[in-house]
Amino acid sequence: MTKLTVQFTDDMDEVLEELAESRGLRKTQVLRRAVLLMKYLDEAAASGTDLVLRDRVTGQEKQLLLETSIR
């Protein structure tokens, strides 16, 4: 396993802490999930999949447009 040292601004660290606390996770777990989510979204977008968020109440949809570097 590779060990990394990452520097965040205070604001970014606060966001990371909030995400970890709200889910009962460690910061490391939040970062791992974020990386895997980014990989999944990049691969989906690169394969031509539309990425859409749908409001469960109103049914309103918003399409996510992602720049990918997958070749």
PDB file of N, CA and C in Angstrom:
ATOM      1  N   MET A   1       0.847  -1.173   0.000  1.00  0.00           N
ATOM      2  CA  MET A   1       0.000   0.000   0.000  1.00  0.00           C
ATOM      3  C   MET A   1       0.896   1.240   0.000  1.00  0.00           C
ATOM      4  N   THR A   2       0.533   2.207  -0.823  1.00  0.00           N
ATOM      5  CA  THR A   2       1.282   3.450  -0.913  1.00  0.00           C
ATOM      6  C   THR A   2       0.760   4.445   0.109  1.00  0.00           C
ATOM      7  N   LYS A   3       1.662   5.126   0.768  1.00  0.00           N
ATOM      8  CA  LYS A   3       1.283   6.156   1.727  1.00  0.00           C
ATOM      9  C   LYS A   3       1.521   7.516   1.084  1.00  0.00           C
ATOM     10  N   LEU A   4       0.518   8.384   1.157  1.00  0.00           N
ATOM     11  CA  LEU A   4       0.622   9.714   0.572  1.00  0.00           C
ATOM     12  C   LEU A   4       0.489  10.783   1.646  1.00  0.00           C
ATOM     13  N   THR A   5       1.122  11.909   1.400  1.00  0.00           N
ATOM     14  CA  THR A   5       0.927  13.092   2.236  1.00  0.00           C
ATOM     15  C   THR A   5       0.247  14.124   1.358  1.00  0.00           C
ATOM     16  N   VAL A   6      -0.870  14.645   1.827  1.00  0.00           N
ATOM     17  CA  VAL A   6      -1.658  15.588   1.039  1.00  0.00           C
ATOM     18  C   VAL A   6      -1.840  16.866   1.840  1.00  0.00           C
ATOM     19  N   GLN A   7      -1.692  18.003   1.169  1.00  0.00           N
ATOM     20  CA  GLN A   7      -1.910  19.286   1.821  1.00  0.00           C
ATOM     21  C   GLN A   7      -3.215  19.884   1.302  1.00  0.00           C
ATOM     22  N   PHE A   8      -4.092  20.275   2.226  1.00  0.00           N
ATOM     23  CA  PHE A   8      -5.360  20.899   1.899  1.00  0.00           C
ATOM     24  C   PHE A   8      -5.412  22.286   2.531  1.00  0.00           C
ATOM     25  N   THR A   9      -6.176  23.162   1.905  1.00  0.00           N
ATOM     26  CA  THR A   9      -6.465  24.435   2.563  1.00  0.00           C
ATOM     27  C   THR A   9      -7.342  24.134   3.774  1.00  0.00           C
ATOM     28  N   ASP A  10      -7.452  25.096   4.673  1.00  0.00           N
ATOM     29  CA  ASP A  10      -8.313  24.907   5.840  1.00  0.00           C
ATOM     30  C   ASP A  10      -9.758  24.662   5.428  1.00  0.00           C
ATOM     31  N   ASP A  11     -10.216  25.380   4.398  1.00  0.00           N
ATOM     32  CA  ASP A  11     -11.594  25.205   3.920  1.00  0.00           C
ATOM     33  C   ASP A  11     -11.826  23.788   3.395  1.00  0.00           C
ATOM     34  N   MET A  12     -10.874  23.280   2.608  1.00  0.00           N
ATOM     35  CA  MET A  12     -11.015  21.936   2.061  1.00  0.00           C
ATOM     36  C   MET A  12     -10.952  20.890   3.170  1.00  0.00           C
ATOM     37  N   ASP A  13     -10.105  21.099   4.147  1.00  0.00           N
ATOM     38  CA  ASP A  13     -10.029  20.169   5.275  1.00  0.00           C
ATOM     39  C   ASP A  13     -11.340  20.163   6.048  1.00  0.00           C
ATOM     40  N   GLU A  14     -11.982  21.322   6.171  1.00  0.00           N
ATOM     41  CA  GLU A  14     -13.266  21.405   6.861  1.00  0.00           C
ATOM     42  C   GLU A  14     -14.333  20.611   6.102  1.00  0.00           C
ATOM     43  N   VAL A  15     -14.341  20.736   4.786  1.00  0.00           N
ATOM     44  CA  VAL A  15     -15.289  19.975   3.968  1.00  0.00           C
ATOM     45  C   VAL A  15     -15.038  18.484   4.135  1.00  0.00           C
ATOM     46  N   LEU A  16     -13.784  18.085   4.080  1.00  0.00           N
ATOM     47  CA  LEU A  16     -13.430  16.677   4.245  1.00  0.00           C
ATOM     48  C   LEU A  16     -13.862  16.159   5.613  1.00  0.00           C
ATOM     49  N   GLU A  17     -13.629  16.952   6.647  1.00  0.00           N
ATOM     50  CA  GLU A  17     -14.032  16.571   8.005  1.00  0.00           C
ATOM     51  C   GLU A  17     -15.550  16.421   8.101  1.00  0.00           C
ATOM     52  N   GLU A  18     -16.293  17.354   7.512  1.00  0.00           N
ATOM     53  CA  GLU A  18     -17.761  17.284   7.538  1.00  0.00           C
ATOM     54  C   GLU A  18     -18.262  16.023   6.836  1.00  0.00           C
ATOM     55  N   LEU A  19     -17.674  15.714   5.684  1.00  0.00           N
ATOM     56  CA  LEU A  19     -18.070  14.507   4.964  1.00  0.00           C
ATOM     57  C   LEU A  19     -17.785  13.252   5.783  1.00  0.00           C
ATOM     58  N   ALA A  20     -16.618  13.215   6.392  1.00  0.00           N
ATOM     59  CA  ALA A  20     -16.252  12.050   7.195  1.00  0.00           C
ATOM     60  C   ALA A  20     -17.182  11.890   8.390  1.00  0.00           C
ATOM     61  N   GLU A  21     -17.415  12.966   9.107  1.00  0.00           N
ATOM     62  CA  GLU A  21     -18.271  12.898  10.297  1.00  0.00           C
ATOM     63  C   GLU A  21     -19.706  12.523   9.944  1.00  0.00           C
ATOM     64  N   SER A  22     -20.233  13.102   8.868  1.00  0.00           N
ATOM     65  CA  SER A  22     -21.630  12.845   8.515  1.00  0.00           C
ATOM     66  C   SER A  22     -21.867  11.401   8.090  1.00  0.00           C
ATOM     67  N   ARG A  23     -20.803  10.708   7.684  1.00  0.00           N
ATOM     68  CA  ARG A  23     -20.932   9.321   7.246  1.00  0.00           C
ATOM     69  C   ARG A  23     -20.314   8.319   8.215  1.00  0.00           C
ATOM     70  N   GLY A  24     -19.731   8.827   9.278  1.00  0.00           N
ATOM     71  CA  GLY A  24     -19.094   7.928  10.240  1.00  0.00           C
ATOM     72  C   GLY A  24     -17.849   7.264   9.668  1.00  0.00           C
ATOM     73  N   LEU A  25     -17.116   8.008   8.830  1.00  0.00           N
ATOM     74  CA  LEU A  25     -15.922   7.471   8.186  1.00  0.00           C
ATOM     75  C   LEU A  25     -14.691   8.257   8.619  1.00  0.00           C
ATOM     76  N   ARG A  26     -13.529   7.685   8.299  1.00  0.00           N
ATOM     77  CA  ARG A  26     -12.283   8.425   8.458  1.00  0.00           C
ATOM     78  C   ARG A  26     -12.042   9.234   7.183  1.00  0.00           C
ATOM     79  N   LYS A  27     -11.237  10.270   7.297  1.00  0.00           N
ATOM     80  CA  LYS A  27     -10.933  11.101   6.126  1.00  0.00           C
ATOM     81  C   LYS A  27     -10.340  10.266   4.997  1.00  0.00           C
ATOM     82  N   THR A  28      -9.495   9.327   5.331  1.00  0.00           N
ATOM     83  CA  THR A  28      -8.885   8.460   4.330  1.00  0.00           C
ATOM     84  C   THR A  28      -9.943   7.703   3.545  1.00  0.00           C
ATOM     85  N   GLN A  29     -10.963   7.210   4.230  1.00  0.00           N
ATOM     86  CA  GLN A  29     -12.039   6.483   3.558  1.00  0.00           C
ATOM     87  C   GLN A  29     -12.815   7.396   2.612  1.00  0.00           C
ATOM     88  N   VAL A  30     -13.046   8.633   3.029  1.00  0.00           N
ATOM     89  CA  VAL A  30     -13.745   9.592   2.169  1.00  0.00           C
ATOM     90  C   VAL A  30     -12.926   9.847   0.907  1.00  0.00           C
ATOM     91  N   LEU A  31     -11.623  10.036   1.062  1.00  0.00           N
ATOM     92  CA  LEU A  31     -10.763  10.275  -0.098  1.00  0.00           C
ATOM     93  C   LEU A  31     -10.743   9.077  -1.038  1.00  0.00           C
ATOM     94  N   ARG A  32     -10.690   7.859  -0.499  1.00  0.00           N
ATOM     95  CA  ARG A  32     -10.711   6.665  -1.342  1.00  0.00           C
ATOM     96  C   ARG A  32     -12.007   6.590  -2.144  1.00  0.00           C
ATOM     97  N   ARG A  33     -13.124   6.864  -1.470  1.00  0.00           N
ATOM     98  CA  ARG A  33     -14.422   6.844  -2.157  1.00  0.00           C
ATOM     99  C   ARG A  33     -14.491   7.910  -3.242  1.00  0.00           C
ATOM    100  N   ALA A  34     -13.933   9.075  -2.960  1.00  0.00           N
ATOM    101  CA  ALA A  34     -13.947  10.168  -3.938  1.00  0.00           C
ATOM    102  C   ALA A  34     -13.156   9.781  -5.185  1.00  0.00           C
ATOM    103  N   VAL A  35     -12.010   9.148  -4.996  1.00  0.00           N
ATOM    104  CA  VAL A  35     -11.188   8.727  -6.126  1.00  0.00           C
ATOM    105  C   VAL A  35     -11.917   7.668  -6.954  1.00  0.00           C
ATOM    106  N   LEU A  36     -12.527   6.702  -6.293  1.00  0.00           N
ATOM    107  CA  LEU A  36     -13.258   5.658  -7.012  1.00  0.00           C
ATOM    108  C   LEU A  36     -14.474   6.223  -7.740  1.00  0.00           C
ATOM    109  N   LEU A  37     -15.154   7.173  -7.123  1.00  0.00           N
ATOM    110  CA  LEU A  37     -16.301   7.807  -7.773  1.00  0.00           C
ATOM    111  C   LEU A  37     -15.847   8.572  -9.012  1.00  0.00           C
ATOM    112  N   MET A  38     -14.752   9.299  -8.910  1.00  0.00           N
ATOM    113  CA  MET A  38     -14.234  10.046 -10.052  1.00  0.00           C
ATOM    114  C   MET A  38     -13.865   9.099 -11.189  1.00  0.00           C
ATOM    115  N   LYS A  39     -13.232   7.980 -10.856  1.00  0.00           N
ATOM    116  CA  LYS A  39     -12.872   6.983 -11.871  1.00  0.00           C
ATOM    117  C   LYS A  39     -14.120   6.441 -12.548  1.00  0.00           C
ATOM    118  N   TYR A  40     -15.144   6.107 -11.784  1.00  0.00           N
ATOM    119  CA  TYR A  40     -16.394   5.581 -12.337  1.00  0.00           C
ATOM    120  C   TYR A  40     -17.053   6.599 -13.261  1.00  0.00           C
ATOM    121  N   LEU A  41     -17.139   7.852 -12.814  1.00  0.00           N
ATOM    122  CA  LEU A  41     -17.762   8.900 -13.622  1.00  0.00           C
ATOM    123  C   LEU A  41     -16.975   9.165 -14.898  1.00  0.00           C
ATOM    124  N   ASP A  42     -15.654   9.191 -14.818  1.00  0.00           N
ATOM    125  CA  ASP A  42     -14.813   9.387 -16.002  1.00  0.00           C
ATOM    126  C   ASP A  42     -15.035   8.271 -17.016  1.00  0.00           C
ATOM    127  N   GLU A  43     -15.060   7.033 -16.540  1.00  0.00           N
ATOM    128  CA  GLU A  43     -15.246   5.897 -17.440  1.00  0.00           C
ATOM    129  C   GLU A  43     -16.638   5.914 -18.071  1.00  0.00           C
ATOM    130  N   ALA A  44     -17.647   6.255 -17.278  1.00  0.00           N
ATOM    131  CA  ALA A  44     -19.014   6.323 -17.809  1.00  0.00           C
ATOM    132  C   ALA A  44     -19.125   7.413 -18.869  1.00  0.00           C
ATOM    133  N   ALA A  45     -18.578   8.573 -18.590  1.00  0.00           N
ATOM    134  CA  ALA A  45     -18.632   9.678 -19.553  1.00  0.00           C
ATOM    135  C   ALA A  45     -17.854   9.338 -20.822  1.00  0.00           C
ATOM    136  N   ALA A  46     -16.706   8.713 -20.677  1.00  0.00           N
ATOM    137  CA  ALA A  46     -15.875   8.360 -21.826  1.00  0.00           C
ATOM    138  C   ALA A  46     -16.552   7.314 -22.714  1.00  0.00           C
ATOM    139  N   SER A  47     -17.416   6.492 -22.132  1.00  0.00           N
ATOM    140  CA  SER A  47     -18.097   5.454 -22.914  1.00  0.00           C
ATOM    141  C   SER A  47     -19.374   5.975 -23.564  1.00  0.00           C
ATOM    142  N   GLY A  48     -19.666   7.266 -23.357  1.00  0.00           N
ATOM    143  CA  GLY A  48     -20.845   7.852 -23.982  1.00  0.00           C
ATOM    144  C   GLY A  48     -22.090   7.820 -23.125  1.00  0.00           C
ATOM    145  N   THR A  49     -21.962   7.437 -21.877  1.00  0.00           N
ATOM    146  CA  THR A  49     -23.103   7.395 -20.970  1.00  0.00           C
ATOM    147  C   THR A  49     -23.481   8.804 -20.538  1.00  0.00           C
ATOM    148  N   ASP A  50     -24.782   9.110 -20.577  1.00  0.00           N
ATOM    149  CA  ASP A  50     -25.262  10.381 -20.044  1.00  0.00           C
ATOM    150  C   ASP A  50     -25.310  10.279 -18.528  1.00  0.00           C
ATOM    151  N   LEU A  51     -24.788  11.278 -17.858  1.00  0.00           N
ATOM    152  CA  LEU A  51     -24.802  11.324 -16.402  1.00  0.00           C
ATOM    153  C   LEU A  51     -25.841  12.360 -15.994  1.00  0.00           C
ATOM    154  N   VAL A  52     -26.902  11.885 -15.325  1.00  0.00           N
ATOM    155  CA  VAL A  52     -28.041  12.736 -15.026  1.00  0.00           C
ATOM    156  C   VAL A  52     -28.392  12.632 -13.545  1.00  0.00           C
ATOM    157  N   LEU A  53     -28.648  13.791 -12.931  1.00  0.00           N
ATOM    158  CA  LEU A  53     -29.168  13.842 -11.570  1.00  0.00           C
ATOM    159  C   LEU A  53     -30.659  14.135 -11.667  1.00  0.00           C
ATOM    160  N   ARG A  54     -31.491  13.361 -10.965  1.00  0.00           N
ATOM    161  CA  ARG A  54     -32.929  13.561 -11.006  1.00  0.00           C
ATOM    162  C   ARG A  54     -33.451  13.841  -9.597  1.00  0.00           C
ATOM    163  N   ASP A  55     -34.162  14.945  -9.440  1.00  0.00           N
ATOM    164  CA  ASP A  55     -34.787  15.289  -8.168  1.00  0.00           C
ATOM    165  C   ASP A  55     -35.928  14.308  -7.919  1.00  0.00           C
ATOM    166  N   ARG A  56     -35.888  13.599  -6.807  1.00  0.00           N
ATOM    167  CA  ARG A  56     -36.899  12.575  -6.511  1.00  0.00           C
ATOM    168  C   ARG A  56     -38.288  13.156  -6.319  1.00  0.00           C
ATOM    169  N   VAL A  57     -38.364  14.388  -5.893  1.00  0.00           N
ATOM    170  CA  VAL A  57     -39.662  15.017  -5.636  1.00  0.00           C
ATOM    171  C   VAL A  57     -40.254  15.611  -6.905  1.00  0.00           C
ATOM    172  N   THR A  58     -39.475  16.430  -7.591  1.00  0.00           N
ATOM    173  CA  THR A  58     -40.000  17.156  -8.753  1.00  0.00           C
ATOM    174  C   THR A  58     -39.783  16.435 -10.075  1.00  0.00           C
ATOM    175  N   GLY A  59     -38.851  15.496 -10.113  1.00  0.00           N
ATOM    176  CA  GLY A  59     -38.519  14.812 -11.355  1.00  0.00           C
ATOM    177  C   GLY A  59     -37.615  15.624 -12.261  1.00  0.00           C
ATOM    178  N   GLN A  60     -37.254  16.830 -11.827  1.00  0.00           N
ATOM    179  CA  GLN A  60     -36.381  17.688 -12.622  1.00  0.00           C
ATOM    180  C   GLN A  60     -35.018  17.021 -12.774  1.00  0.00           C
ATOM    181  N   GLU A  61     -34.487  17.098 -13.988  1.00  0.00           N
ATOM    182  CA  GLU A  61     -33.203  16.475 -14.281  1.00  0.00           C
ATOM    183  C   GLU A  61     -32.154  17.513 -14.645  1.00  0.00           C
ATOM    184  N   LYS A  62     -30.918  17.211 -14.268  1.00  0.00           N
ATOM    185  CA  LYS A  62     -29.762  18.022 -14.635  1.00  0.00           C
ATOM    186  C   LYS A  62     -28.696  17.071 -15.156  1.00  0.00           C
ATOM    187  N   GLN A  63     -28.177  17.371 -16.325  1.00  0.00           N
ATOM    188  CA  GLN A  63     -27.130  16.540 -16.899  1.00  0.00           C
ATOM    189  C   GLN A  63     -25.769  17.026 -16.416  1.00  0.00           C
ATOM    190  N   LEU A  64     -24.931  16.079 -16.017  1.00  0.00           N
ATOM    191  CA  LEU A  64     -23.563  16.392 -15.613  1.00  0.00           C
ATOM    192  C   LEU A  64     -22.670  16.302 -16.842  1.00  0.00           C
ATOM    193  N   LEU A  65     -21.924  17.344 -17.089  1.00  0.00           N
ATOM    194  CA  LEU A  65     -20.976  17.346 -18.199  1.00  0.00           C
ATOM    195  C   LEU A  65     -19.578  17.320 -17.605  1.00  0.00           C
ATOM    196  N   LEU A  66     -18.851  16.244 -17.881  1.00  0.00           N
ATOM    197  CA  LEU A  66     -17.529  16.061 -17.297  1.00  0.00           C
ATOM    198  C   LEU A  66     -16.471  16.044 -18.374  1.00  0.00           C
ATOM    199  N   GLU A  67     -15.369  16.682 -18.110  1.00  0.00           N
ATOM    200  CA  GLU A  67     -14.203  16.560 -18.978  1.00  0.00           C
ATOM    201  C   GLU A  67     -13.445  15.324 -18.531  1.00  0.00           C
ATOM    202  N   THR A  68     -13.080  14.504 -19.478  1.00  0.00           N
ATOM    203  CA  THR A  68     -12.335  13.297 -19.123  1.00  0.00           C
ATOM    204  C   THR A  68     -11.009  13.285 -19.862  1.00  0.00           C
ATOM    205  N   SER A  69     -10.086  12.556 -19.298  1.00  0.00           N
ATOM    206  CA  SER A  69      -8.786  12.416 -19.942  1.00  0.00           C
ATOM    207  C   SER A  69      -8.534  10.958 -20.301  1.00  0.00           C
ATOM    208  N   ILE A  70      -9.573  10.139 -20.196  1.00  0.00           N
ATOM    209  CA  ILE A  70      -9.432   8.710 -20.537  1.00  0.00           C
ATOM    210  C   ILE A  70      -9.341   8.584 -22.052  1.00  0.00           C
ATOM    211  N   ARG A  71      -8.375   7.852 -22.509  1.00  0.00           N
ATOM    212  CA  ARG A  71      -8.169   7.684 -23.947  1.00  0.00           C
ATOM    213  C   ARG A  71      -8.470   6.283 -24.363  1.00  0.00           C
TER     214      ARG A  71
END
